[in-house]
Amino acid sequence: QVQLVESGGGLVQPGGSLRLSCVASGSIFRFSAMGWYRQAEGKQRELVARITNGGSTTYADSVKGRFTISRDNAKNTVSLQMNSLRPEDTAVYYCRLEPNGYARFGVWGQGTQVTVSS
């Protein structure tokens, strides 16, 4: 069974940077698209960025040009580099292995808190 473990969250000032990482157990990582989602207090969870198993990426309009998603299949890791952070980026960030033939409903990580505040 696949498990995802996120790390890298924390408190940062506006304009600062953070790098989130998500390590997956198991052997299906390299076959799977991966996503980073976030959920701010009182709001619905939203997609931030996604990367396919082939490396194609998509981003929410609100983070384009500031965030970069990447993956290392040899290390079963997907990362989210977040630059020029804003207070509105404050949320719990979740890694997700997207649903596919190997994981019908996908797999969620436990989440990591990102707080952008002066």
N, C-alpha and C. Protein backbone atom coordinates (compact mmCIF):
# COMPACT_ATOMS: atom_id res chain seq x y z
N GLN A 1 0.84 -1.19 0.00
CA GLN A 1 0.00 0.00 0.00
C GLN A 1 0.87 1.24 0.00
N VAL A 2 0.52 2.19 -0.85
CA VAL A 2 1.32 3.40 -0.98
C VAL A 2 1.06 4.33 0.19
N GLN A 3 2.12 4.91 0.73
CA GLN A 3 2.01 5.96 1.72
C GLN A 3 2.81 7.16 1.27
N LEU A 4 2.30 8.35 1.58
CA LEU A 4 2.95 9.60 1.21
C LEU A 4 3.29 10.38 2.48
N VAL A 5 4.50 10.88 2.54
CA VAL A 5 4.93 11.66 3.70
C VAL A 5 5.47 13.00 3.22
N GLU A 6 4.80 14.08 3.64
CA GLU A 6 5.23 15.43 3.26
C GLU A 6 6.15 16.02 4.32
N SER A 7 6.96 16.96 3.88
CA SER A 7 7.81 17.72 4.79
C SER A 7 8.12 19.06 4.16
N GLY A 8 8.62 19.99 4.99
CA GLY A 8 9.09 21.27 4.47
C GLY A 8 8.21 22.46 4.78
N GLY A 9 7.07 22.25 5.40
CA GLY A 9 6.22 23.39 5.73
C GLY A 9 6.81 24.21 6.86
N GLY A 10 6.16 25.34 7.13
CA GLY A 10 6.63 26.20 8.22
C GLY A 10 6.10 27.60 8.10
N LEU A 11 6.71 28.49 8.86
CA LEU A 11 6.35 29.90 8.88
C LEU A 11 7.37 30.69 8.07
N VAL A 12 6.90 31.52 7.18
CA VAL A 12 7.78 32.32 6.33
C VAL A 12 7.18 33.71 6.15
N GLN A 13 8.03 34.70 5.98
CA GLN A 13 7.55 36.06 5.75
C GLN A 13 7.10 36.24 4.31
N PRO A 14 6.20 37.18 4.09
CA PRO A 14 5.81 37.47 2.70
C PRO A 14 7.02 37.77 1.83
N GLY A 15 7.00 37.20 0.63
CA GLY A 15 8.13 37.34 -0.28
C GLY A 15 9.16 36.26 -0.14
N GLY A 16 9.04 35.45 0.89
CA GLY A 16 10.00 34.38 1.13
C GLY A 16 9.72 33.13 0.32
N SER A 17 10.52 32.09 0.59
CA SER A 17 10.43 30.84 -0.16
C SER A 17 10.39 29.65 0.79
N LEU A 18 9.75 28.59 0.32
CA LEU A 18 9.76 27.31 0.99
C LEU A 18 9.77 26.23 -0.07
N ARG A 19 10.31 25.08 0.32
CA ARG A 19 10.30 23.92 -0.57
C ARG A 19 9.65 22.76 0.15
N LEU A 20 8.56 22.27 -0.41
CA LEU A 20 7.88 21.11 0.14
C LEU A 20 8.33 19.85 -0.60
N SER A 21 8.44 18.76 0.15
CA SER A 21 8.79 17.48 -0.44
C SER A 21 7.78 16.42 -0.01
N CYS A 22 7.60 15.44 -0.86
CA CYS A 22 6.68 14.33 -0.59
C CYS A 22 7.36 13.05 -1.07
N VAL A 23 7.56 12.14 -0.14
CA VAL A 23 8.19 10.87 -0.46
C VAL A 23 7.13 9.77 -0.45
N ALA A 24 7.13 8.96 -1.50
CA ALA A 24 6.16 7.88 -1.63
C ALA A 24 6.81 6.53 -1.39
N SER A 25 6.10 5.67 -0.69
CA SER A 25 6.55 4.28 -0.55
C SER A 25 5.98 3.48 -1.71
N GLY A 26 6.49 2.28 -1.91
CA GLY A 26 5.94 1.42 -2.94
C GLY A 26 6.56 1.65 -4.30
N SER A 27 6.04 0.93 -5.29
CA SER A 27 6.68 0.90 -6.60
C SER A 27 5.88 1.54 -7.72
N ILE A 28 4.73 2.16 -7.40
CA ILE A 28 3.91 2.70 -8.48
C ILE A 28 4.13 4.18 -8.71
N PHE A 29 5.02 4.79 -7.91
CA PHE A 29 5.21 6.24 -8.01
C PHE A 29 5.53 6.65 -9.44
N ARG A 30 6.46 5.94 -10.07
CA ARG A 30 6.93 6.40 -11.38
C ARG A 30 5.87 6.26 -12.47
N PHE A 31 4.81 5.50 -12.18
CA PHE A 31 3.74 5.35 -13.17
C PHE A 31 2.61 6.36 -12.96
N SER A 32 2.73 7.16 -11.90
CA SER A 32 1.60 7.95 -11.43
C SER A 32 1.80 9.45 -11.59
N ALA A 33 0.72 10.14 -11.97
CA ALA A 33 0.73 11.58 -11.86
C ALA A 33 0.66 11.96 -10.38
N MET A 34 1.28 13.07 -10.03
CA MET A 34 1.31 13.54 -8.65
C MET A 34 0.80 14.97 -8.59
N GLY A 35 0.13 15.30 -7.51
CA GLY A 35 -0.40 16.65 -7.35
C GLY A 35 -0.11 17.22 -5.98
N TRP A 36 -0.01 18.54 -5.93
CA TRP A 36 0.00 19.28 -4.68
C TRP A 36 -1.30 20.07 -4.60
N TYR A 37 -1.99 19.92 -3.48
CA TYR A 37 -3.24 20.62 -3.21
C TYR A 37 -3.06 21.44 -1.93
N ARG A 38 -3.96 22.37 -1.73
CA ARG A 38 -3.94 23.12 -0.48
C ARG A 38 -5.35 23.42 -0.03
N GLN A 39 -5.46 23.58 1.28
CA GLN A 39 -6.75 23.91 1.87
C GLN A 39 -6.55 24.96 2.94
N ALA A 40 -7.05 26.15 2.67
CA ALA A 40 -7.00 27.22 3.65
C ALA A 40 -8.20 27.09 4.60
N GLU A 41 -8.06 27.67 5.75
CA GLU A 41 -9.12 27.57 6.76
C GLU A 41 -10.42 28.12 6.21
N GLY A 42 -11.48 27.32 6.30
CA GLY A 42 -12.79 27.75 5.85
C GLY A 42 -13.02 27.67 4.35
N LYS A 43 -12.04 27.12 3.63
CA LYS A 43 -12.16 27.03 2.18
C LYS A 43 -12.03 25.59 1.72
N GLN A 44 -12.43 25.37 0.47
CA GLN A 44 -12.33 24.04 -0.10
C GLN A 44 -10.89 23.75 -0.53
N ARG A 45 -10.56 22.47 -0.54
CA ARG A 45 -9.25 22.05 -1.02
C ARG A 45 -9.16 22.35 -2.52
N GLU A 46 -8.01 22.86 -2.95
CA GLU A 46 -7.83 23.22 -4.35
C GLU A 46 -6.52 22.68 -4.88
N LEU A 47 -6.51 22.42 -6.18
CA LEU A 47 -5.28 21.97 -6.83
C LEU A 47 -4.32 23.14 -6.99
N VAL A 48 -3.09 22.92 -6.63
CA VAL A 48 -2.04 23.94 -6.79
C VAL A 48 -1.19 23.64 -8.03
N ALA A 49 -0.75 22.38 -8.15
CA ALA A 49 0.11 22.00 -9.27
C ALA A 49 0.04 20.49 -9.44
N ARG A 50 0.25 20.06 -10.67
CA ARG A 50 0.23 18.64 -10.99
C ARG A 50 1.36 18.34 -11.96
N ILE A 51 1.92 17.15 -11.82
CA ILE A 51 2.95 16.70 -12.75
C ILE A 51 2.63 15.27 -13.16
N THR A 52 2.66 15.01 -14.47
CA THR A 52 2.37 13.67 -14.96
C THR A 52 3.58 12.76 -14.76
N ASN A 53 3.40 11.47 -15.02
CA ASN A 53 4.54 10.56 -14.91
C ASN A 53 5.60 10.88 -15.96
N GLY A 54 5.20 11.56 -17.02
CA GLY A 54 6.14 11.96 -18.06
C GLY A 54 6.78 13.32 -17.83
N GLY A 55 6.33 14.03 -16.79
CA GLY A 55 6.96 15.30 -16.45
C GLY A 55 6.21 16.54 -16.92
N SER A 56 5.05 16.38 -17.54
CA SER A 56 4.26 17.56 -17.93
C SER A 56 3.62 18.17 -16.70
N THR A 57 3.58 19.50 -16.67
CA THR A 57 3.11 20.20 -15.48
C THR A 57 1.93 21.12 -15.78
N THR A 58 1.09 21.31 -14.79
CA THR A 58 0.03 22.31 -14.83
C THR A 58 -0.03 23.01 -13.48
N TYR A 59 -0.47 24.27 -13.50
CA TYR A 59 -0.51 25.09 -12.29
C TYR A 59 -1.82 25.85 -12.18
N ALA A 60 -2.22 26.10 -10.96
CA ALA A 60 -3.31 27.03 -10.72
C ALA A 60 -2.85 28.43 -11.14
N ASP A 61 -3.78 29.21 -11.65
CA ASP A 61 -3.43 30.56 -12.10
C ASP A 61 -2.80 31.38 -10.98
N SER A 62 -3.25 31.15 -9.76
CA SER A 62 -2.78 31.96 -8.63
C SER A 62 -1.32 31.72 -8.28
N VAL A 63 -0.72 30.63 -8.77
CA VAL A 63 0.66 30.33 -8.41
C VAL A 63 1.60 30.31 -9.60
N LYS A 64 1.08 30.47 -10.79
CA LYS A 64 1.92 30.44 -11.99
C LYS A 64 3.02 31.49 -11.90
N GLY A 65 4.22 31.05 -12.24
CA GLY A 65 5.37 31.95 -12.20
C GLY A 65 6.01 32.06 -10.83
N ARG A 66 5.37 31.51 -9.80
CA ARG A 66 5.93 31.57 -8.44
C ARG A 66 6.27 30.18 -7.90
N PHE A 67 5.48 29.19 -8.26
CA PHE A 67 5.67 27.82 -7.76
C PHE A 67 6.16 26.92 -8.89
N THR A 68 6.97 25.94 -8.53
CA THR A 68 7.46 24.96 -9.49
C THR A 68 7.35 23.55 -8.90
N ILE A 69 6.67 22.69 -9.62
CA ILE A 69 6.57 21.29 -9.20
C ILE A 69 7.58 20.47 -9.98
N SER A 70 8.19 19.50 -9.30
CA SER A 70 9.17 18.64 -9.95
C SER A 70 9.11 17.26 -9.30
N ARG A 71 9.72 16.29 -9.98
CA ARG A 71 9.72 14.94 -9.45
C ARG A 71 11.05 14.26 -9.71
N ASP A 72 11.39 13.33 -8.84
CA ASP A 72 12.59 12.51 -8.99
C ASP A 72 12.14 11.06 -8.83
N ASN A 73 11.98 10.37 -9.94
CA ASN A 73 11.45 9.01 -9.87
C ASN A 73 12.43 8.05 -9.18
N ALA A 74 13.70 8.34 -9.26
CA ALA A 74 14.69 7.47 -8.61
C ALA A 74 14.56 7.53 -7.09
N LYS A 75 14.05 8.65 -6.58
CA LYS A 75 13.90 8.83 -5.13
C LYS A 75 12.44 8.80 -4.69
N ASN A 76 11.54 8.49 -5.62
CA ASN A 76 10.11 8.46 -5.30
C ASN A 76 9.65 9.75 -4.61
N THR A 77 10.13 10.87 -5.15
CA THR A 77 9.87 12.15 -4.50
C THR A 77 9.27 13.16 -5.48
N VAL A 78 8.30 13.91 -4.99
CA VAL A 78 7.77 15.05 -5.72
C VAL A 78 7.94 16.28 -4.82
N SER A 79 8.35 17.38 -5.42
CA SER A 79 8.64 18.59 -4.66
C SER A 79 7.85 19.78 -5.20
N LEU A 80 7.67 20.76 -4.33
CA LEU A 80 7.01 22.00 -4.72
C LEU A 80 7.86 23.15 -4.21
N GLN A 81 8.52 23.84 -5.12
CA GLN A 81 9.30 25.02 -4.77
C GLN A 81 8.38 26.23 -4.83
N MET A 82 8.27 26.92 -3.71
CA MET A 82 7.35 28.05 -3.61
C MET A 82 8.14 29.32 -3.34
N ASN A 83 8.08 30.24 -4.29
CA ASN A 83 8.78 31.53 -4.18
C ASN A 83 7.78 32.67 -4.12
N SER A 84 8.25 33.81 -3.71
CA SER A 84 7.41 35.02 -3.64
C SER A 84 6.10 34.74 -2.92
N LEU A 85 6.21 34.11 -1.78
CA LEU A 85 5.02 33.70 -1.05
C LEU A 85 4.22 34.89 -0.55
N ARG A 86 2.92 34.68 -0.53
CA ARG A 86 1.96 35.72 -0.12
C ARG A 86 1.13 35.23 1.06
N PRO A 87 0.57 36.12 1.83
CA PRO A 87 -0.29 35.68 2.94
C PRO A 87 -1.42 34.77 2.48
N GLU A 88 -1.92 34.99 1.28
CA GLU A 88 -3.02 34.16 0.78
C GLU A 88 -2.58 32.75 0.39
N ASP A 89 -1.28 32.48 0.42
CA ASP A 89 -0.78 31.11 0.20
C ASP A 89 -0.85 30.28 1.48
N THR A 90 -1.19 30.91 2.59
CA THR A 90 -1.28 30.19 3.86
C THR A 90 -2.35 29.11 3.77
N ALA A 91 -1.96 27.88 4.09
CA ALA A 91 -2.87 26.74 3.98
C ALA A 91 -2.15 25.48 4.45
N VAL A 92 -2.91 24.42 4.57
CA VAL A 92 -2.31 23.09 4.71
C VAL A 92 -2.13 22.55 3.29
N TYR A 93 -0.92 22.12 3.00
CA TYR A 93 -0.58 21.61 1.67
C TYR A 93 -0.53 20.08 1.72
N TYR A 94 -1.19 19.47 0.73
CA TYR A 94 -1.29 18.03 0.67
C TYR A 94 -0.67 17.51 -0.64
N CYS A 95 0.04 16.45 -0.52
CA CYS A 95 0.54 15.72 -1.67
C CYS A 95 -0.48 14.64 -2.02
N ARG A 96 -0.66 14.38 -3.30
CA ARG A 96 -1.59 13.34 -3.71
C ARG A 96 -1.03 12.54 -4.86
N LEU A 97 -1.09 11.23 -4.73
CA LEU A 97 -0.87 10.35 -5.87
C LEU A 97 -2.22 10.25 -6.56
N GLU A 98 -2.28 10.71 -7.79
CA GLU A 98 -3.56 10.82 -8.48
C GLU A 98 -4.13 9.43 -8.81
N PRO A 99 -5.44 9.32 -8.86
CA PRO A 99 -6.07 8.03 -9.18
C PRO A 99 -5.57 7.49 -10.53
N ASN A 100 -5.34 6.20 -10.57
CA ASN A 100 -4.94 5.54 -11.81
C ASN A 100 -5.25 4.05 -11.68
N GLY A 101 -4.80 3.28 -12.63
CA GLY A 101 -5.11 1.86 -12.62
C GLY A 101 -4.50 1.10 -11.45
N TYR A 102 -3.48 1.67 -10.83
CA TYR A 102 -2.82 1.00 -9.70
C TYR A 102 -3.39 1.46 -8.36
N ALA A 103 -3.97 2.63 -8.33
CA ALA A 103 -4.55 3.19 -7.09
C ALA A 103 -5.85 3.87 -7.50
N ARG A 104 -6.90 3.12 -7.43
CA ARG A 104 -8.17 3.55 -8.02
C ARG A 104 -8.66 4.89 -7.48
N PHE A 105 -8.49 5.13 -6.19
CA PHE A 105 -8.99 6.36 -5.58
C PHE A 105 -7.88 7.35 -5.26
N GLY A 106 -6.67 7.03 -5.67
CA GLY A 106 -5.56 7.89 -5.33
C GLY A 106 -5.16 7.74 -3.87
N VAL A 107 -4.11 8.45 -3.49
CA VAL A 107 -3.60 8.41 -2.13
C VAL A 107 -3.25 9.82 -1.70
N TRP A 108 -3.65 10.19 -0.47
CA TRP A 108 -3.34 11.51 0.09
C TRP A 108 -2.26 11.40 1.17
N GLY A 109 -1.43 12.41 1.21
CA GLY A 109 -0.52 12.55 2.34
C GLY A 109 -1.25 13.17 3.51
N GLN A 110 -0.52 13.34 4.62
CA GLN A 110 -1.15 13.83 5.85
C GLN A 110 -1.24 15.35 5.90
N GLY A 111 -0.51 16.02 5.03
CA GLY A 111 -0.55 17.48 4.98
C GLY A 111 0.56 18.13 5.78
N THR A 112 0.96 19.32 5.33
CA THR A 112 1.96 20.11 6.03
C THR A 112 1.52 21.58 6.00
N GLN A 113 1.63 22.23 7.15
CA GLN A 113 1.15 23.61 7.27
C GLN A 113 2.16 24.60 6.71
N VAL A 114 1.68 25.51 5.89
CA VAL A 114 2.47 26.64 5.40
C VAL A 114 1.77 27.91 5.86
N THR A 115 2.51 28.74 6.58
CA THR A 115 1.97 30.01 7.06
C THR A 115 2.86 31.14 6.57
N VAL A 116 2.24 32.07 5.87
CA VAL A 116 2.97 33.23 5.35
C VAL A 116 2.48 34.46 6.11
N SER A 117 3.36 34.99 6.93
CA SER A 117 2.96 36.10 7.80
C SER A 117 4.19 36.85 8.26
N SER A 118 4.02 38.16 8.44
CA SER A 118 5.09 38.97 8.99
C SER A 118 4.97 39.09 10.51
